[in-house]
Amino acid sequence: MSAEVQHEVPLAELTTLRVGGPARTLVRATTAEEVVAAARAADEAGEDLLVLSGGSNLVISDEGFAGTVVQVASRGIERVDRADLAVAAPVGHELVRVAAGEPWDDFVAWTVEHSLAGVEALSGIPGCVGSTPVQNVGAYGQEVAQTVVQVTALDRERDELRVLSAPECAFGYRDSLFKRSQRGSTGRFVVVEVVFALEPSELSRPVGYAALANGLGVAMGERVPLAEAREAVLAQRRQRGMVLDPEDHDSWSCGSFFTNPIITAAAWEQVRQRAVERLGGGVEPPRFETDGGLVKTSAAWLIDKAGFGKGYAMPGPAALSTKHPLAITNRGGATAADVASLAREVRDGVEQAFGVRLVNEPVFVGHSL
């Protein structure tokens, strides 16, 4: 059975932000083989290629995409033996292979149901499994780099299917080899499946995020039943409009629109001084120590203190979420241009106020900030 092919399909219907013009050609691939074949066919024809699955990390231009869009719709979750892997895996863990098109939260729910710990704090994140290693998706003290063992992907430069170990994926903060290896609208690599190593346990991994610990009524580092951890994360995400809901315009978004800045200690001190000048004494930006002596601070805090509070909007139907200033949302009928204009105003306003230039997390297709 061959992949389904359509033409002039509105891409807004395939993204969580609900913006984007038509795809000249859309190929809906339901198996890994169909994904690879569709990507190769586009490359051989010299066409631009865009690969999407859940569409949760894309801001597609209003003009659409004048090439081939491959919608990854493969499904499947299965346990695998250590002998079936091409790379080393940690001892004492269950190995689970997941198709790239499997909805991420369905996979997380499956792990909780089967008493496997390691991704429960990533509950409620939109999108599909194949996109998670690209961004090294993370939340509430977990990130996929902690559990990914190997990624199978089409290497478009070599035109071969490759199996990459976790070290070869070169994960960083919301970053990876896949994200850094750009080739047009889609990167050099097209992910077709991911293998995770998960801990067999009725309990979560140690809680590593203060707000989550508070919500659970436990101390940092404690473990709780997996289902409790998942429900607490989902509750916190709903409060922030970060769980997809067609009736809630705060969830018509890409989630967090900007990454948290990682800066030098000296740069953080300059931000602190600007905050004091702007807001008065006793006000201090969040500070989290990271590797290499660098400091991570909060993009949401910078946005809010720069004057862009919850619900901030320019004229038009794009606005910051009414629940969280880090999300740019579509209030209904917004265009990609509306979203880009608001993102640009927020980014430039934060830079003017604090000297920090925010970096967008979603990928812009056909336009840029």
Protein backbone atom coordinates (compact mmCIF):
# COMPACT_ATOMS: atom_id res chain seq x y z
CA MET A 1 0.00 0.00 0.00
CA SER A 2 1.52 3.33 -1.07
CA ALA A 3 1.43 6.59 0.84
CA GLU A 4 -1.52 8.92 0.33
CA VAL A 5 -0.71 12.00 -1.79
CA GLN A 6 -2.74 15.22 -1.82
CA HIS A 7 -2.24 18.66 -3.33
CA GLU A 8 -2.88 22.22 -2.12
CA VAL A 9 -3.62 21.12 1.44
CA PRO A 10 -3.92 23.93 4.05
CA LEU A 11 -1.08 23.43 6.52
CA ALA A 12 -2.80 25.46 9.23
CA GLU A 13 -4.93 22.38 9.87
CA LEU A 14 -1.81 20.34 10.62
CA THR A 15 -0.12 22.64 13.14
CA THR A 16 -1.01 23.39 16.75
CA LEU A 17 -0.64 27.14 16.16
CA ARG A 18 -3.16 26.84 13.31
CA VAL A 19 -1.37 29.12 10.86
CA GLY A 20 0.20 28.41 7.49
CA GLY A 21 -0.73 28.42 3.82
CA PRO A 22 -1.11 25.40 1.54
CA ALA A 23 1.35 22.62 0.75
CA ARG A 24 1.83 22.10 -2.95
CA THR A 25 2.15 18.37 -2.28
CA LEU A 26 1.35 16.52 0.94
CA VAL A 27 2.40 12.90 1.41
CA ARG A 28 0.87 11.10 4.38
CA ALA A 29 3.31 8.33 5.32
CA THR A 30 2.05 5.66 7.72
CA THR A 31 5.18 3.48 7.89
CA ALA A 32 8.89 4.11 8.28
CA GLU A 33 9.41 2.80 4.75
CA GLU A 34 6.90 5.29 3.35
CA VAL A 35 8.55 8.16 5.24
CA VAL A 36 11.96 7.27 3.82
CA ALA A 37 10.62 6.74 0.29
CA ALA A 38 8.76 10.07 0.28
CA ALA A 39 11.77 12.01 1.56
CA ARG A 40 14.07 10.36 -0.97
CA ALA A 41 11.66 11.05 -3.82
CA ALA A 42 11.52 14.74 -2.95
CA ASP A 43 15.31 14.95 -2.71
CA GLU A 44 15.81 13.13 -6.00
CA ALA A 45 13.36 15.52 -7.67
CA GLY A 46 15.22 18.52 -6.26
CA GLU A 47 12.14 19.69 -4.37
CA ASP A 48 12.11 21.48 -1.05
CA LEU A 49 11.16 19.06 1.72
CA LEU A 50 9.28 19.70 4.94
CA VAL A 51 8.72 16.86 7.38
CA LEU A 52 6.06 17.28 10.05
CA SER A 53 4.24 15.02 12.45
CA GLY A 54 2.30 16.73 15.24
CA GLY A 55 3.04 20.20 13.86
CA SER A 56 3.64 21.53 17.36
CA ASN A 57 6.92 23.30 16.69
CA LEU A 58 6.32 25.02 13.36
CA VAL A 59 5.36 28.52 12.27
CA ILE A 60 4.63 28.08 8.56
CA SER A 61 4.34 31.18 6.38
CA ASP A 62 1.00 32.33 5.02
CA GLU A 63 2.26 31.57 1.51
CA GLY A 64 2.53 27.90 2.45
CA PHE A 65 5.15 25.49 1.18
CA ALA A 66 6.00 25.17 -2.52
CA GLY A 67 7.48 21.71 -2.24
CA THR A 68 6.73 18.33 -0.69
CA VAL A 69 5.44 18.04 2.86
CA VAL A 70 5.77 14.58 4.39
CA GLN A 71 3.34 14.03 7.24
CA VAL A 72 4.79 11.31 9.47
CA ALA A 73 1.83 9.21 10.60
CA SER A 74 3.59 5.97 11.54
CA ARG A 75 2.48 4.30 14.76
CA GLY A 76 3.83 1.65 17.08
CA ILE A 77 5.27 1.01 20.55
CA GLU A 78 7.10 -2.22 21.34
CA ARG A 79 9.57 -3.62 23.82
CA VAL A 80 12.85 -4.77 22.30
CA ASP A 81 15.70 -6.98 23.45
CA ARG A 82 19.14 -5.58 24.13
CA ALA A 83 20.50 -7.87 21.41
CA ASP A 84 18.32 -6.10 18.84
CA LEU A 85 20.07 -2.75 19.36
CA ALA A 86 22.98 -1.46 17.36
CA VAL A 87 24.33 0.50 20.33
CA ALA A 88 25.01 -0.08 24.03
CA ALA A 89 22.12 0.36 26.47
CA PRO A 90 22.04 0.82 30.26
CA VAL A 91 21.67 -2.34 32.32
CA GLY A 92 18.48 -2.83 34.33
CA HIS A 93 16.26 -0.83 32.01
CA GLU A 94 13.43 -1.79 29.69
CA LEU A 95 14.07 -0.87 26.07
CA VAL A 96 11.13 0.48 24.09
CA ARG A 97 11.10 1.23 20.37
CA VAL A 98 8.62 3.87 19.22
CA ALA A 99 7.61 4.95 15.71
CA ALA A 100 8.28 8.59 14.86
CA GLY A 101 4.61 9.35 14.22
CA GLU A 102 3.36 8.04 17.57
CA PRO A 103 1.76 10.92 19.51
CA TRP A 104 4.17 11.77 22.29
CA ASP A 105 1.63 11.91 25.09
CA ASP A 106 0.14 8.57 24.04
CA PHE A 107 3.61 7.10 24.49
CA VAL A 108 4.01 8.73 27.92
CA ALA A 109 0.62 7.37 28.98
CA TRP A 110 1.74 3.92 27.80
CA THR A 111 4.89 4.08 29.92
CA VAL A 112 2.89 4.99 33.02
CA GLU A 113 0.40 2.19 32.34
CA HIS A 114 3.27 -0.28 32.00
CA SER A 115 5.17 0.96 35.09
CA LEU A 116 8.16 2.38 33.24
CA ALA A 117 9.73 5.55 34.63
CA GLY A 118 11.71 8.23 32.85
CA VAL A 119 9.36 10.37 30.76
CA GLU A 120 6.39 10.94 33.11
CA ALA A 121 7.34 14.60 33.71
CA LEU A 122 7.04 15.14 29.95
CA SER A 123 3.30 14.40 30.02
CA GLY A 124 1.02 16.61 27.95
CA ILE A 125 3.68 17.86 25.54
CA PRO A 126 2.12 18.07 22.07
CA GLY A 127 3.66 16.60 18.95
CA CYS A 128 4.99 13.18 18.06
CA VAL A 129 7.89 11.03 19.18
CA GLY A 130 10.10 11.71 16.16
CA SER A 131 10.38 15.41 16.91
CA THR A 132 11.40 15.00 20.55
CA PRO A 133 15.09 14.17 20.02
CA VAL A 134 15.40 16.99 17.49
CA GLN A 135 14.56 19.63 20.10
CA ASN A 136 15.70 17.52 23.05
CA VAL A 137 12.26 18.19 24.47
CA GLY A 138 12.20 18.84 28.20
CA ALA A 139 9.98 20.02 31.03
CA TYR A 140 9.62 19.73 34.81
CA GLY A 141 13.15 18.49 35.33
CA GLN A 142 13.25 15.84 32.61
CA GLU A 143 14.42 15.85 29.00
CA VAL A 144 14.44 13.10 26.41
CA ALA A 145 18.24 13.03 26.33
CA GLN A 146 18.05 11.25 29.69
CA THR A 147 16.25 8.24 28.20
CA VAL A 148 17.02 8.10 24.45
CA VAL A 149 19.31 5.18 23.60
CA GLN A 150 19.32 5.27 19.82
CA VAL A 151 17.65 7.12 16.97
CA THR A 152 17.12 5.69 13.50
CA ALA A 153 17.02 8.37 10.83
CA LEU A 154 17.44 8.90 7.12
CA ASP A 155 20.68 10.79 6.54
CA ARG A 156 19.80 12.86 3.47
CA GLU A 157 23.42 13.76 2.74
CA ARG A 158 24.58 10.14 2.64
CA ASP A 159 21.21 8.87 1.40
CA GLU A 160 21.28 6.05 3.91
CA LEU A 161 19.40 4.92 6.99
CA ARG A 162 21.59 5.43 10.05
CA VAL A 163 21.37 4.37 13.66
CA LEU A 164 22.78 7.01 16.00
CA SER A 165 23.63 6.41 19.64
CA ALA A 166 22.71 8.96 22.29
CA PRO A 167 26.26 10.42 22.36
CA GLU A 168 26.18 10.74 18.57
CA CYS A 169 22.94 12.72 18.89
CA ALA A 170 25.01 15.40 20.71
CA PHE A 171 22.14 16.57 22.88
CA GLY A 172 22.20 20.02 24.45
CA TYR A 173 19.64 22.35 25.98
CA ARG A 174 16.72 22.19 23.51
CA ASP A 175 19.30 21.19 20.95
CA SER A 176 20.78 18.20 19.15
CA LEU A 177 22.77 17.12 16.13
CA PHE A 178 19.47 16.88 14.26
CA LYS A 179 18.56 20.48 14.98
CA ARG A 180 22.03 21.78 14.15
CA SER A 181 22.31 19.85 10.88
CA GLN A 182 20.11 22.05 8.76
CA ARG A 183 19.38 21.44 5.12
CA GLY A 184 16.60 23.70 3.88
CA SER A 185 13.25 23.60 5.68
CA THR A 186 13.95 20.12 7.03
CA GLY A 187 17.24 19.08 8.57
CA ARG A 188 19.76 16.66 7.21
CA PHE A 189 18.14 13.85 9.22
CA VAL A 190 14.58 12.52 9.04
CA VAL A 191 13.81 10.54 12.20
CA VAL A 192 11.85 7.32 11.67
CA GLU A 193 12.05 5.66 15.11
CA VAL A 194 13.47 6.17 18.60
CA VAL A 195 14.49 3.67 21.28
CA PHE A 196 14.18 4.68 24.93
CA ALA A 197 15.67 3.05 28.05
CA LEU A 198 13.16 3.26 30.90
CA GLU A 199 13.36 2.16 34.53
CA PRO A 200 10.92 -0.59 35.55
CA SER A 201 9.24 1.03 38.55
CA GLU A 202 5.86 1.96 39.99
CA LEU A 203 7.48 5.21 41.13
CA SER A 204 8.54 8.26 39.17
CA ARG A 205 12.10 9.35 38.72
CA PRO A 206 13.18 11.71 41.53
CA VAL A 207 11.16 14.91 41.24
CA GLY A 208 13.53 17.54 39.88
CA TYR A 209 11.38 20.65 39.54
CA ALA A 210 10.34 22.81 42.48
CA ALA A 211 6.85 23.73 41.23
CA LEU A 212 6.08 20.08 40.54
CA ALA A 213 7.35 19.05 43.97
CA ASN A 214 5.14 21.71 45.56
CA GLY A 215 2.14 20.54 43.58
CA LEU A 216 2.74 16.97 44.72
CA GLY A 217 3.40 18.01 48.31
CA VAL A 218 6.82 16.35 48.40
CA ALA A 219 10.42 17.45 48.71
CA MET A 220 12.70 17.78 45.71
CA GLY A 221 14.31 14.44 44.92
CA GLU A 222 11.47 12.32 46.27
CA ARG A 223 9.67 9.76 44.14
CA VAL A 224 5.91 9.39 43.81
CA PRO A 225 3.61 6.93 42.02
CA LEU A 226 3.94 7.36 38.27
CA ALA A 227 0.25 8.13 37.76
CA GLU A 228 0.38 10.85 40.42
CA ALA A 229 3.40 12.46 38.78
CA ARG A 230 1.70 12.41 35.39
CA GLU A 231 -1.54 13.91 36.68
CA ALA A 232 0.33 16.64 38.57
CA VAL A 233 2.24 17.59 35.43
CA LEU A 234 -0.93 17.61 33.33
CA ALA A 235 -2.69 19.79 35.92
CA GLN A 236 0.15 22.32 35.88
CA ARG A 237 0.27 22.34 32.09
CA ARG A 238 -3.50 22.89 31.86
CA GLN A 239 -3.20 25.85 34.22
CA ARG A 240 -0.73 27.34 31.73
CA GLY A 241 -2.72 26.48 28.61
CA MET A 242 -0.05 23.97 27.62
CA VAL A 243 -2.34 20.99 26.98
CA LEU A 244 -4.04 20.96 23.58
CA ASP A 245 -7.74 21.80 23.82
CA PRO A 246 -9.73 22.95 20.76
CA GLU A 247 -11.96 25.04 23.04
CA ASP A 248 -9.04 26.84 24.72
CA HIS A 249 -7.31 29.42 22.53
CA ASP A 250 -4.45 29.55 25.02
CA SER A 251 -3.50 26.10 23.74
CA TRP A 252 -3.50 27.21 20.09
CA SER A 253 0.23 27.71 20.26
CA CYS A 254 3.68 26.16 19.89
CA GLY A 255 4.03 25.93 23.65
CA SER A 256 7.03 27.86 24.94
CA PHE A 257 7.91 30.25 22.12
CA PHE A 258 11.36 31.25 23.39
CA THR A 259 14.07 29.19 25.06
CA ASN A 260 15.39 30.17 28.46
CA PRO A 261 18.60 32.18 27.89
CA ILE A 262 21.87 30.61 28.99
CA ILE A 263 24.37 33.41 29.58
CA THR A 264 27.62 34.15 31.39
CA ALA A 265 27.58 35.12 35.06
CA ALA A 266 28.72 38.61 34.04
CA ALA A 267 25.84 38.93 31.58
CA TRP A 268 23.39 37.80 34.26
CA GLU A 269 24.77 40.48 36.59
CA GLN A 270 24.09 43.08 33.89
CA VAL A 271 20.52 41.77 33.60
CA ARG A 272 20.16 42.06 37.38
CA GLN A 273 21.39 45.65 37.35
CA ARG A 274 18.97 46.55 34.58
CA ALA A 275 16.17 44.89 36.52
CA VAL A 276 16.99 47.00 39.59
CA GLU A 277 17.05 50.17 37.47
CA ARG A 278 13.77 49.25 35.82
CA LEU A 279 11.87 47.68 38.70
CA GLY A 280 13.54 48.84 41.90
CA GLY A 281 15.73 47.21 44.52
CA GLY A 282 15.09 43.69 45.72
CA VAL A 283 14.09 42.45 42.26
CA GLU A 284 16.32 39.76 40.86
CA PRO A 285 15.98 37.64 37.71
CA PRO A 286 15.86 33.87 38.22
CA ARG A 287 19.27 32.25 38.25
CA PHE A 288 20.06 28.57 37.71
CA GLU A 289 23.66 27.38 37.53
CA THR A 290 24.50 25.22 34.50
CA ASP A 291 27.55 23.45 33.12
CA GLY A 292 30.63 25.45 32.25
CA GLY A 293 29.93 28.21 34.74
CA LEU A 294 27.03 29.55 32.69
CA VAL A 295 23.72 30.74 34.10
CA LYS A 296 20.22 29.96 32.88
CA THR A 297 17.54 32.56 33.48
CA SER A 298 13.81 32.64 32.76
CA ALA A 299 12.50 33.85 29.41
CA ALA A 300 9.00 34.13 30.89
CA TRP A 301 10.31 36.40 33.67
CA LEU A 302 12.15 38.63 31.20
CA ILE A 303 9.10 38.88 28.94
CA ASP A 304 6.78 39.77 31.80
CA LYS A 305 9.14 42.31 33.39
CA ALA A 306 9.80 43.92 30.00
CA GLY A 307 6.12 44.87 29.89
CA PHE A 308 4.62 41.95 27.99
CA GLY A 309 2.32 40.37 30.54
CA LYS A 310 -0.20 37.58 30.15
CA GLY A 311 -2.66 38.35 27.36
CA TYR A 312 -0.52 41.08 25.79
CA ALA A 313 -1.51 41.68 22.18
CA MET A 314 -0.86 43.97 19.27
CA PRO A 315 -3.77 44.84 17.00
CA GLY A 316 -4.83 41.52 15.53
CA PRO A 317 -5.72 38.01 16.72
CA ALA A 318 -2.27 36.90 17.93
CA ALA A 319 -1.60 37.39 21.64
CA LEU A 320 0.43 36.10 24.53
CA SER A 321 -1.41 33.42 26.45
CA THR A 322 -3.71 34.66 29.19
CA LYS A 323 -2.18 31.97 31.40
CA HIS A 324 1.55 32.21 30.62
CA PRO A 325 3.59 34.99 28.97
CA LEU A 326 5.97 32.54 27.26
CA ALA A 327 3.37 31.25 24.78
CA ILE A 328 2.24 33.13 21.68
CA THR A 329 -1.29 32.08 20.81
CA ASN A 330 -3.80 32.27 18.00
CA ARG A 331 -7.03 33.77 19.31
CA GLY A 332 -8.80 32.71 16.12
CA GLY A 333 -8.00 33.78 12.58
CA ALA A 334 -4.40 34.80 13.22
CA THR A 335 -1.91 34.62 10.38
CA ALA A 336 1.73 33.62 10.47
CA ALA A 337 2.54 37.29 9.87
CA ASP A 338 0.55 38.22 12.99
CA VAL A 339 2.49 35.69 15.04
CA ALA A 340 5.85 36.84 13.67
CA SER A 341 5.05 40.51 14.35
CA LEU A 342 4.17 39.81 17.96
CA ALA A 343 7.19 37.55 18.45
CA ARG A 344 9.44 40.24 17.00
CA GLU A 345 8.00 42.91 19.28
CA VAL A 346 8.47 40.75 22.37
CA ARG A 347 11.99 39.68 21.41
CA ASP A 348 13.10 43.24 20.63
CA GLY A 349 11.39 44.63 23.73
CA VAL A 350 13.19 42.17 26.01
CA GLU A 351 16.51 42.99 24.37
CA GLN A 352 15.93 46.70 24.82
CA ALA A 353 14.93 46.26 28.46
CA PHE A 354 17.53 43.73 29.60
CA GLY A 355 20.13 43.35 26.85
CA VAL A 356 19.26 39.69 26.26
CA ARG A 357 18.15 38.54 22.81
CA LEU A 358 15.64 35.71 23.09
CA VAL A 359 15.85 32.78 20.68
CA ASN A 360 12.67 31.32 19.26
CA GLU A 361 12.05 27.63 19.95
CA PRO A 362 9.68 26.83 17.05
CA VAL A 363 11.02 26.54 13.52
CA PHE A 364 9.97 29.22 11.03
CA VAL A 365 9.20 27.86 7.56
CA GLY A 366 9.15 30.26 4.62
CA HIS A 367 9.80 33.34 6.78
CA SER A 368 11.84 34.37 9.79
CA LEU A 369 12.08 36.78 12.68
